[in-house]
Amino acid sequence: MNKAVSIGLLVGGILLIAFGYNASQSFGSEVSRAFTGSPTDKSMWMMIGGAVAAVVGLVGLMRSPRA
């Protein structure tokens, strides 16, 4: 995997995690949490997708380059 792609995935994943966290602290998510016990699906998917993208980007950076 190209280093630029790996860095992009890592940065994009971190941004998605941050946006997902902010969405989970919103008023709509608080209302959802009051009734269902969990934040909205949108915020959860943003955090899960961000974590996956960040891990893929980190693994891409840690792998040795192919000759």
PDB file of N, CA and C in Angstrom:
ATOM      1  N   MET A   1       0.850  -1.168   0.000  1.00  0.00           N
ATOM      2  CA  MET A   1       0.000   0.000   0.000  1.00  0.00           C
ATOM      3  C   MET A   1       0.898   1.235   0.000  1.00  0.00           C
ATOM      4  N   ASN A   2       0.512   2.207  -0.754  1.00  0.00           N
ATOM      5  CA  ASN A   2       1.251   3.447  -0.858  1.00  0.00           C
ATOM      6  C   ASN A   2       1.226   4.189   0.483  1.00  0.00           C
ATOM      7  N   LYS A   3       2.355   4.799   0.850  1.00  0.00           N
ATOM      8  CA  LYS A   3       2.418   5.524   2.124  1.00  0.00           C
ATOM      9  C   LYS A   3       1.437   6.683   2.167  1.00  0.00           C
ATOM     10  N   ALA A   4       1.241   7.366   1.046  1.00  0.00           N
ATOM     11  CA  ALA A   4       0.305   8.488   1.016  1.00  0.00           C
ATOM     12  C   ALA A   4      -1.123   8.009   1.281  1.00  0.00           C
ATOM     13  N   VAL A   5      -1.474   6.869   0.737  1.00  0.00           N
ATOM     14  CA  VAL A   5      -2.810   6.303   0.971  1.00  0.00           C
ATOM     15  C   VAL A   5      -2.952   5.913   2.444  1.00  0.00           C
ATOM     16  N   SER A   6      -1.906   5.323   3.010  1.00  0.00           N
ATOM     17  CA  SER A   6      -1.938   4.926   4.414  1.00  0.00           C
ATOM     18  C   SER A   6      -2.086   6.130   5.324  1.00  0.00           C
ATOM     19  N   ILE A   7      -1.346   7.191   5.033  1.00  0.00           N
ATOM     20  CA  ILE A   7      -1.454   8.412   5.840  1.00  0.00           C
ATOM     21  C   ILE A   7      -2.843   9.016   5.693  1.00  0.00           C
ATOM     22  N   GLY A   8      -3.378   9.008   4.482  1.00  0.00           N
ATOM     23  CA  GLY A   8      -4.725   9.519   4.258  1.00  0.00           C
ATOM     24  C   GLY A   8      -5.778   8.730   5.026  1.00  0.00           C
ATOM     25  N   LEU A   9      -5.643   7.409   5.038  1.00  0.00           N
ATOM     26  CA  LEU A   9      -6.585   6.576   5.798  1.00  0.00           C
ATOM     27  C   LEU A   9      -6.462   6.840   7.299  1.00  0.00           C
ATOM     28  N   LEU A  10      -5.245   6.988   7.776  1.00  0.00           N
ATOM     29  CA  LEU A  10      -5.034   7.245   9.196  1.00  0.00           C
ATOM     30  C   LEU A  10      -5.646   8.585   9.607  1.00  0.00           C
ATOM     31  N   VAL A  11      -5.362   9.622   8.839  1.00  0.00           N
ATOM     32  CA  VAL A  11      -5.898  10.951   9.152  1.00  0.00           C
ATOM     33  C   VAL A  11      -7.417  10.963   9.004  1.00  0.00           C
ATOM     34  N   GLY A  12      -7.914  10.372   7.916  1.00  0.00           N
ATOM     35  CA  GLY A  12      -9.368  10.307   7.722  1.00  0.00           C
ATOM     36  C   GLY A  12     -10.060   9.525   8.827  1.00  0.00           C
ATOM     37  N   GLY A  13      -9.436   8.441   9.273  1.00  0.00           N
ATOM     38  CA  GLY A  13     -10.004   7.666  10.365  1.00  0.00           C
ATOM     39  C   GLY A  13     -10.066   8.446  11.659  1.00  0.00           C
ATOM     40  N   ILE A  14      -9.007   9.187  11.945  1.00  0.00           N
ATOM     41  CA  ILE A  14      -8.993   9.996  13.163  1.00  0.00           C
ATOM     42  C   ILE A  14     -10.064  11.087  13.089  1.00  0.00           C
ATOM     43  N   LEU A  15     -10.226  11.690  11.910  1.00  0.00           N
ATOM     44  CA  LEU A  15     -11.275  12.710  11.749  1.00  0.00           C
ATOM     45  C   LEU A  15     -12.667  12.108  11.914  1.00  0.00           C
ATOM     46  N   LEU A  16     -12.888  10.920  11.349  1.00  0.00           N
ATOM     47  CA  LEU A  16     -14.197  10.268  11.508  1.00  0.00           C
ATOM     48  C   LEU A  16     -14.484   9.936  12.965  1.00  0.00           C
ATOM     49  N   ILE A  17     -13.471   9.491  13.686  1.00  0.00           N
ATOM     50  CA  ILE A  17     -13.661   9.205  15.111  1.00  0.00           C
ATOM     51  C   ILE A  17     -14.045  10.483  15.854  1.00  0.00           C
ATOM     52  N   ALA A  18     -13.358  11.583  15.545  1.00  0.00           N
ATOM     53  CA  ALA A  18     -13.660  12.853  16.205  1.00  0.00           C
ATOM     54  C   ALA A  18     -15.074  13.329  15.875  1.00  0.00           C
ATOM     55  N   PHE A  19     -15.459  13.261  14.578  1.00  0.00           N
ATOM     56  CA  PHE A  19     -16.814  13.670  14.195  1.00  0.00           C
ATOM     57  C   PHE A  19     -17.865  12.754  14.822  1.00  0.00           C
ATOM     58  N   GLY A  20     -17.577  11.467  14.879  1.00  0.00           N
ATOM     59  CA  GLY A  20     -18.509  10.529  15.504  1.00  0.00           C
ATOM     60  C   GLY A  20     -18.684  10.796  16.984  1.00  0.00           C
ATOM     61  N   TYR A  21     -17.588  11.143  17.650  1.00  0.00           N
ATOM     62  CA  TYR A  21     -17.672  11.470  19.076  1.00  0.00           C
ATOM     63  C   TYR A  21     -18.505  12.733  19.283  1.00  0.00           C
ATOM     64  N   ASN A  22     -18.256  13.756  18.452  1.00  0.00           N
ATOM     65  CA  ASN A  22     -19.050  14.982  18.558  1.00  0.00           C
ATOM     66  C   ASN A  22     -20.525  14.718  18.277  1.00  0.00           C
ATOM     67  N   ALA A  23     -20.809  13.861  17.305  1.00  0.00           N
ATOM     68  CA  ALA A  23     -22.203  13.527  16.997  1.00  0.00           C
ATOM     69  C   ALA A  23     -22.842  12.755  18.148  1.00  0.00           C
ATOM     70  N   SER A  24     -22.056  11.955  18.854  1.00  0.00           N
ATOM     71  CA  SER A  24     -22.622  11.188  19.961  1.00  0.00           C
ATOM     72  C   SER A  24     -22.938  12.079  21.161  1.00  0.00           C
ATOM     73  N   GLN A  25     -22.366  13.273  21.195  1.00  0.00           N
ATOM     74  CA  GLN A  25     -22.633  14.208  22.282  1.00  0.00           C
ATOM     75  C   GLN A  25     -23.710  15.230  21.927  1.00  0.00           C
ATOM     76  N   SER A  26     -24.318  15.095  20.752  1.00  0.00           N
ATOM     77  CA  SER A  26     -25.331  16.045  20.304  1.00  0.00           C
ATOM     78  C   SER A  26     -26.662  15.816  21.027  1.00  0.00           C
ATOM     79  N   PHE A  27     -27.561  16.778  20.875  1.00  0.00           N
ATOM     80  CA  PHE A  27     -28.861  16.693  21.531  1.00  0.00           C
ATOM     81  C   PHE A  27     -29.661  15.491  21.035  1.00  0.00           C
ATOM     82  N   GLY A  28     -29.646  15.262  19.715  1.00  0.00           N
ATOM     83  CA  GLY A  28     -30.387  14.130  19.150  1.00  0.00           C
ATOM     84  C   GLY A  28     -29.876  12.796  19.667  1.00  0.00           C
ATOM     85  N   SER A  29     -28.589  12.709  19.820  1.00  0.00           N
ATOM     86  CA  SER A  29     -28.004  11.476  20.342  1.00  0.00           C
ATOM     87  C   SER A  29     -28.338  11.298  21.821  1.00  0.00           C
ATOM     88  N   GLU A  30     -28.379  12.401  22.545  1.00  0.00           N
ATOM     89  CA  GLU A  30     -28.759  12.326  23.969  1.00  0.00           C
ATOM     90  C   GLU A  30     -30.204  11.848  24.126  1.00  0.00           C
ATOM     91  N   VAL A  31     -31.096  12.324  23.247  1.00  0.00           N
ATOM     92  CA  VAL A  31     -32.496  11.876  23.280  1.00  0.00           C
ATOM     93  C   VAL A  31     -32.571  10.390  22.947  1.00  0.00           C
ATOM     94  N   SER A  32     -31.831   9.977  21.920  1.00  0.00           N
ATOM     95  CA  SER A  32     -31.800   8.561  21.543  1.00  0.00           C
ATOM     96  C   SER A  32     -31.262   7.712  22.686  1.00  0.00           C
ATOM     97  N   ARG A  33     -30.222   8.202  23.341  1.00  0.00           N
ATOM     98  CA  ARG A  33     -29.628   7.466  24.458  1.00  0.00           C
ATOM     99  C   ARG A  33     -30.615   7.347  25.626  1.00  0.00           C
ATOM    100  N   ALA A  34     -31.437   8.368  25.828  1.00  0.00           N
ATOM    101  CA  ALA A  34     -32.417   8.324  26.915  1.00  0.00           C
ATOM    102  C   ALA A  34     -33.456   7.228  26.695  1.00  0.00           C
ATOM    103  N   PHE A  35     -33.845   7.003  25.429  1.00  0.00           N
ATOM    104  CA  PHE A  35     -34.872   6.012  25.144  1.00  0.00           C
ATOM    105  C   PHE A  35     -34.319   4.619  24.851  1.00  0.00           C
ATOM    106  N   THR A  36     -33.182   4.549  24.168  1.00  0.00           N
ATOM    107  CA  THR A  36     -32.665   3.240  23.757  1.00  0.00           C
ATOM    108  C   THR A  36     -31.449   2.785  24.553  1.00  0.00           C
ATOM    109  N   GLY A  37     -30.786   3.707  25.223  1.00  0.00           N
ATOM    110  CA  GLY A  37     -29.600   3.349  25.988  1.00  0.00           C
ATOM    111  C   GLY A  37     -28.316   3.411  25.180  1.00  0.00           C
ATOM    112  N   SER A  38     -28.417   3.773  23.888  1.00  0.00           N
ATOM    113  CA  SER A  38     -27.219   3.890  23.059  1.00  0.00           C
ATOM    114  C   SER A  38     -27.335   5.126  22.178  1.00  0.00           C
ATOM    115  N   PRO A  39     -26.198   5.674  21.730  1.00  0.00           N
ATOM    116  CA  PRO A  39     -26.262   6.845  20.851  1.00  0.00           C
ATOM    117  C   PRO A  39     -26.833   6.480  19.478  1.00  0.00           C
ATOM    118  N   THR A  40     -27.007   7.466  18.636  1.00  0.00           N
ATOM    119  CA  THR A  40     -27.601   7.228  17.314  1.00  0.00           C
ATOM    120  C   THR A  40     -26.711   6.319  16.467  1.00  0.00           C
ATOM    121  N   ASP A  41     -27.332   5.672  15.491  1.00  0.00           N
ATOM    122  CA  ASP A  41     -26.594   4.776  14.597  1.00  0.00           C
ATOM    123  C   ASP A  41     -25.535   5.534  13.805  1.00  0.00           C
ATOM    124  N   LYS A  42     -25.857   6.755  13.388  1.00  0.00           N
ATOM    125  CA  LYS A  42     -24.922   7.541  12.581  1.00  0.00           C
ATOM    126  C   LYS A  42     -23.614   7.757  13.342  1.00  0.00           C
ATOM    127  N   SER A  43     -23.706   8.161  14.594  1.00  0.00           N
ATOM    128  CA  SER A  43     -22.484   8.422  15.352  1.00  0.00           C
ATOM    129  C   SER A  43     -21.707   7.129  15.602  1.00  0.00           C
ATOM    130  N   MET A  44     -22.407   6.041  15.832  1.00  0.00           N
ATOM    131  CA  MET A  44     -21.719   4.765  16.046  1.00  0.00           C
ATOM    132  C   MET A  44     -20.998   4.308  14.778  1.00  0.00           C
ATOM    133  N   TRP A  45     -21.653   4.421  13.620  1.00  0.00           N
ATOM    134  CA  TRP A  45     -21.027   4.008  12.368  1.00  0.00           C
ATOM    135  C   TRP A  45     -19.847   4.897  12.011  1.00  0.00           C
ATOM    136  N   MET A  46     -19.933   6.187  12.340  1.00  0.00           N
ATOM    137  CA  MET A  46     -18.799   7.074  12.085  1.00  0.00           C
ATOM    138  C   MET A  46     -17.600   6.671  12.940  1.00  0.00           C
ATOM    139  N   MET A  47     -17.833   6.334  14.199  1.00  0.00           N
ATOM    140  CA  MET A  47     -16.724   5.934  15.064  1.00  0.00           C
ATOM    141  C   MET A  47     -16.161   4.572  14.662  1.00  0.00           C
ATOM    142  N   ILE A  48     -17.033   3.643  14.300  1.00  0.00           N
ATOM    143  CA  ILE A  48     -16.561   2.316  13.872  1.00  0.00           C
ATOM    144  C   ILE A  48     -15.787   2.428  12.558  1.00  0.00           C
ATOM    145  N   GLY A  49     -16.339   3.150  11.595  1.00  0.00           N
ATOM    146  CA  GLY A  49     -15.651   3.337  10.317  1.00  0.00           C
ATOM    147  C   GLY A  49     -14.327   4.068  10.481  1.00  0.00           C
ATOM    148  N   GLY A  50     -14.295   5.054  11.371  1.00  0.00           N
ATOM    149  CA  GLY A  50     -13.053   5.766  11.635  1.00  0.00           C
ATOM    150  C   GLY A  50     -12.008   4.877  12.259  1.00  0.00           C
ATOM    151  N   ALA A  51     -12.439   4.020  13.179  1.00  0.00           N
ATOM    152  CA  ALA A  51     -11.486   3.105  13.817  1.00  0.00           C
ATOM    153  C   ALA A  51     -10.919   2.117  12.805  1.00  0.00           C
ATOM    154  N   VAL A  52     -11.771   1.593  11.931  1.00  0.00           N
ATOM    155  CA  VAL A  52     -11.304   0.649  10.914  1.00  0.00           C
ATOM    156  C   VAL A  52     -10.330   1.337   9.958  1.00  0.00           C
ATOM    157  N   ALA A  53     -10.688   2.533   9.496  1.00  0.00           N
ATOM    158  CA  ALA A  53      -9.810   3.256   8.571  1.00  0.00           C
ATOM    159  C   ALA A  53      -8.473   3.598   9.233  1.00  0.00           C
ATOM    160  N   ALA A  54      -8.509   4.005  10.498  1.00  0.00           N
ATOM    161  CA  ALA A  54      -7.269   4.344  11.202  1.00  0.00           C
ATOM    162  C   ALA A  54      -6.384   3.112  11.377  1.00  0.00           C
ATOM    163  N   VAL A  55      -6.979   1.972  11.692  1.00  0.00           N
ATOM    164  CA  VAL A  55      -6.194   0.747  11.857  1.00  0.00           C
ATOM    165  C   VAL A  55      -5.584   0.314  10.526  1.00  0.00           C
ATOM    166  N   VAL A  56      -6.370   0.374   9.449  1.00  0.00           N
ATOM    167  CA  VAL A  56      -5.846   0.005   8.129  1.00  0.00           C
ATOM    168  C   VAL A  56      -4.708   0.946   7.736  1.00  0.00           C
ATOM    169  N   GLY A  57      -4.862   2.227   7.979  1.00  0.00           N
ATOM    170  CA  GLY A  57      -3.806   3.182   7.678  1.00  0.00           C
ATOM    171  C   GLY A  57      -2.562   2.943   8.509  1.00  0.00           C
ATOM    172  N   LEU A  58      -2.736   2.628   9.787  1.00  0.00           N
ATOM    173  CA  LEU A  58      -1.598   2.363  10.664  1.00  0.00           C
ATOM    174  C   LEU A  58      -0.872   1.092  10.248  1.00  0.00           C
ATOM    175  N   VAL A  59      -1.623   0.061   9.901  1.00  0.00           N
ATOM    176  CA  VAL A  59      -1.002  -1.188   9.445  1.00  0.00           C
ATOM    177  C   VAL A  59      -0.257  -0.942   8.138  1.00  0.00           C
ATOM    178  N   GLY A  60      -0.832  -0.126   7.252  1.00  0.00           N
ATOM    179  CA  GLY A  60      -0.154   0.196   6.004  1.00  0.00           C
ATOM    180  C   GLY A  60       1.154   0.936   6.229  1.00  0.00           C
ATOM    181  N   LEU A  61       1.207   1.783   7.246  1.00  0.00           N
ATOM    182  CA  LEU A  61       2.437   2.498   7.544  1.00  0.00           C
ATOM    183  C   LEU A  61       3.473   1.597   8.224  1.00  0.00           C
ATOM    184  N   MET A  62       3.017   0.617   8.978  1.00  0.00           N
ATOM    185  CA  MET A  62       3.931  -0.241   9.724  1.00  0.00           C
ATOM    186  C   MET A  62       4.546  -1.336   8.855  1.00  0.00           C
ATOM    187  N   ARG A  63       3.877  -1.701   7.788  1.00  0.00           N
ATOM    188  CA  ARG A  63       4.388  -2.766   6.916  1.00  0.00           C
ATOM    189  C   ARG A  63       5.633  -2.306   6.189  1.00  0.00           C
ATOM    190  N   SER A  64       6.533  -3.230   5.983  1.00  0.00           N
ATOM    191  CA  SER A  64       7.751  -2.904   5.247  1.00  0.00           C
ATOM    192  C   SER A  64       7.417  -2.748   3.773  1.00  0.00           C
ATOM    193  N   PRO A  65       8.055  -1.812   3.100  1.00  0.00           N
ATOM    194  CA  PRO A  65       7.760  -1.628   1.674  1.00  0.00           C
ATOM    195  C   PRO A  65       8.230  -2.815   0.852  1.00  0.00           C
ATOM    196  N   ARG A  66       7.460  -3.139  -0.167  1.00  0.00           N
ATOM    197  CA  ARG A  66       7.812  -4.267  -1.039  1.00  0.00           C
ATOM    198  C   ARG A  66       8.890  -3.820  -2.020  1.00  0.00           C
ATOM    199  N   ALA A  67       9.776  -4.737  -2.289  1.00  0.00           N
ATOM    200  CA  ALA A  67      10.874  -4.412  -3.217  1.00  0.00           C
ATOM    201  C   ALA A  67      10.489  -4.658  -4.650  1.00  0.00           C
TER     202      ALA A  67
END
